[in-house]
Amino acid sequence: MRNDLRIRDIILRQDGIPYITATHDKNNPRSGDVMRRLGMKYCYSYEEQW
């Protein structure tokens, strides 16, 4: 397992966090790639209200 995944798992277990959420700009697909490498998956989209 890669170090970034190991760190993620340790933090989630330590703090009892059931899940995490994140967003990224659709114009920056590389940030989405980072999220996927961390095991995150797409759930929904929304439009900014501001």
N, C-alpha and C. Protein backbone atom coordinates (compact mmCIF):
# COMPACT_ATOMS: atom_id res chain seq x y z
N MET A 1 0.85 -1.18 0.00
CA MET A 1 0.00 0.00 0.00
C MET A 1 0.89 1.24 0.00
N ARG A 2 0.52 2.23 -0.77
CA ARG A 2 1.30 3.46 -0.83
C ARG A 2 1.18 4.25 0.46
N ASN A 3 2.18 5.08 0.73
CA ASN A 3 2.21 5.86 1.96
C ASN A 3 1.01 6.78 2.12
N ASP A 4 0.57 7.44 1.03
CA ASP A 4 -0.56 8.36 1.16
C ASP A 4 -1.83 7.63 1.57
N LEU A 5 -2.04 6.42 1.06
CA LEU A 5 -3.21 5.64 1.46
C LEU A 5 -3.08 5.16 2.90
N ARG A 6 -1.89 4.80 3.30
CA ARG A 6 -1.66 4.35 4.67
C ARG A 6 -1.95 5.48 5.66
N ILE A 7 -1.46 6.68 5.35
CA ILE A 7 -1.70 7.84 6.21
C ILE A 7 -3.19 8.13 6.30
N ARG A 8 -3.88 8.10 5.16
CA ARG A 8 -5.33 8.34 5.15
C ARG A 8 -6.04 7.36 6.07
N ASP A 9 -5.72 6.09 5.96
CA ASP A 9 -6.38 5.07 6.77
C ASP A 9 -6.09 5.25 8.26
N ILE A 10 -4.87 5.59 8.61
CA ILE A 10 -4.51 5.81 10.02
C ILE A 10 -5.31 6.97 10.60
N ILE A 11 -5.39 8.07 9.87
CA ILE A 11 -6.12 9.25 10.35
C ILE A 11 -7.60 8.94 10.52
N LEU A 12 -8.19 8.29 9.55
CA LEU A 12 -9.62 7.98 9.63
C LEU A 12 -9.91 7.05 10.81
N ARG A 13 -9.09 6.05 11.02
CA ARG A 13 -9.31 5.12 12.14
C ARG A 13 -9.09 5.80 13.48
N GLN A 14 -8.02 6.57 13.60
CA GLN A 14 -7.68 7.23 14.85
C GLN A 14 -8.81 8.13 15.33
N ASP A 15 -9.35 8.90 14.43
CA ASP A 15 -10.35 9.90 14.80
C ASP A 15 -11.77 9.37 14.71
N GLY A 16 -11.96 8.14 14.27
CA GLY A 16 -13.30 7.58 14.17
C GLY A 16 -14.16 8.26 13.11
N ILE A 17 -13.52 8.76 12.08
CA ILE A 17 -14.24 9.47 11.02
C ILE A 17 -14.83 8.43 10.05
N PRO A 18 -16.16 8.45 9.86
CA PRO A 18 -16.77 7.44 8.99
C PRO A 18 -16.51 7.69 7.51
N TYR A 19 -16.35 8.95 7.10
CA TYR A 19 -16.08 9.26 5.70
C TYR A 19 -15.54 10.68 5.60
N ILE A 20 -14.99 11.01 4.44
CA ILE A 20 -14.55 12.38 4.19
C ILE A 20 -15.15 12.82 2.86
N THR A 21 -15.32 14.12 2.71
CA THR A 21 -15.82 14.66 1.45
C THR A 21 -14.83 15.70 0.93
N ALA A 22 -14.86 15.91 -0.36
CA ALA A 22 -13.98 16.90 -0.97
C ALA A 22 -14.56 17.32 -2.31
N THR A 23 -14.12 18.46 -2.78
CA THR A 23 -14.51 18.92 -4.10
C THR A 23 -13.25 19.35 -4.86
N HIS A 24 -13.38 19.46 -6.15
CA HIS A 24 -12.29 20.02 -6.95
C HIS A 24 -12.90 20.74 -8.15
N ASP A 25 -12.17 21.67 -8.67
CA ASP A 25 -12.60 22.46 -9.82
C ASP A 25 -12.60 21.56 -11.05
N LYS A 26 -13.70 21.55 -11.77
CA LYS A 26 -13.77 20.69 -12.97
C LYS A 26 -12.77 21.12 -14.03
N ASN A 27 -12.26 22.34 -13.95
CA ASN A 27 -11.25 22.81 -14.89
C ASN A 27 -9.84 22.39 -14.49
N ASN A 28 -9.73 21.65 -13.40
CA ASN A 28 -8.43 21.15 -12.94
C ASN A 28 -8.56 19.64 -12.70
N PRO A 29 -8.58 18.86 -13.78
CA PRO A 29 -8.78 17.42 -13.64
C PRO A 29 -7.67 16.70 -12.86
N ARG A 30 -6.48 17.30 -12.78
CA ARG A 30 -5.40 16.64 -12.03
C ARG A 30 -5.73 16.56 -10.54
N SER A 31 -6.48 17.55 -10.02
CA SER A 31 -6.86 17.47 -8.61
C SER A 31 -7.84 16.32 -8.41
N GLY A 32 -8.68 16.06 -9.40
CA GLY A 32 -9.58 14.90 -9.33
C GLY A 32 -8.79 13.60 -9.37
N ASP A 33 -7.70 13.59 -10.12
CA ASP A 33 -6.83 12.40 -10.17
C ASP A 33 -6.24 12.10 -8.80
N VAL A 34 -5.83 13.14 -8.09
CA VAL A 34 -5.28 12.96 -6.74
C VAL A 34 -6.34 12.34 -5.84
N MET A 35 -7.56 12.84 -5.92
CA MET A 35 -8.65 12.31 -5.09
C MET A 35 -8.90 10.83 -5.42
N ARG A 36 -8.90 10.48 -6.69
CA ARG A 36 -9.10 9.08 -7.08
C ARG A 36 -7.98 8.18 -6.54
N ARG A 37 -6.73 8.67 -6.61
CA ARG A 37 -5.62 7.88 -6.09
C ARG A 37 -5.74 7.64 -4.59
N LEU A 38 -6.43 8.54 -3.91
CA LEU A 38 -6.65 8.37 -2.47
C LEU A 38 -7.85 7.49 -2.17
N GLY A 39 -8.47 6.96 -3.23
CA GLY A 39 -9.58 6.04 -3.04
C GLY A 39 -10.94 6.71 -2.99
N MET A 40 -10.98 8.00 -3.32
CA MET A 40 -12.26 8.70 -3.31
C MET A 40 -13.00 8.40 -4.61
N LYS A 41 -14.32 8.54 -4.57
CA LYS A 41 -15.12 8.29 -5.77
C LYS A 41 -16.13 9.41 -5.97
N TYR A 42 -16.54 9.59 -7.20
CA TYR A 42 -17.51 10.62 -7.56
C TYR A 42 -18.88 10.24 -7.01
N CYS A 43 -19.56 11.21 -6.39
CA CYS A 43 -20.91 10.96 -5.87
C CYS A 43 -21.94 11.92 -6.46
N TYR A 44 -21.61 13.18 -6.61
CA TYR A 44 -22.56 14.14 -7.14
C TYR A 44 -21.86 15.43 -7.55
N SER A 45 -22.57 16.27 -8.32
CA SER A 45 -22.09 17.58 -8.72
C SER A 45 -23.05 18.63 -8.20
N TYR A 46 -22.55 19.85 -8.08
CA TYR A 46 -23.42 20.95 -7.70
C TYR A 46 -22.86 22.24 -8.28
N GLU A 47 -23.69 23.25 -8.34
CA GLU A 47 -23.28 24.56 -8.84
C GLU A 47 -23.04 25.47 -7.65
N GLU A 48 -21.97 26.22 -7.70
CA GLU A 48 -21.70 27.20 -6.63
C GLU A 48 -22.81 28.22 -6.59
N GLN A 49 -23.17 28.67 -5.41
CA GLN A 49 -24.23 29.64 -5.25
C GLN A 49 -23.73 31.07 -5.11
N TRP A 50 -22.43 31.28 -5.23
CA TRP A 50 -21.87 32.63 -5.09
C TRP A 50 -21.03 33.00 -6.27
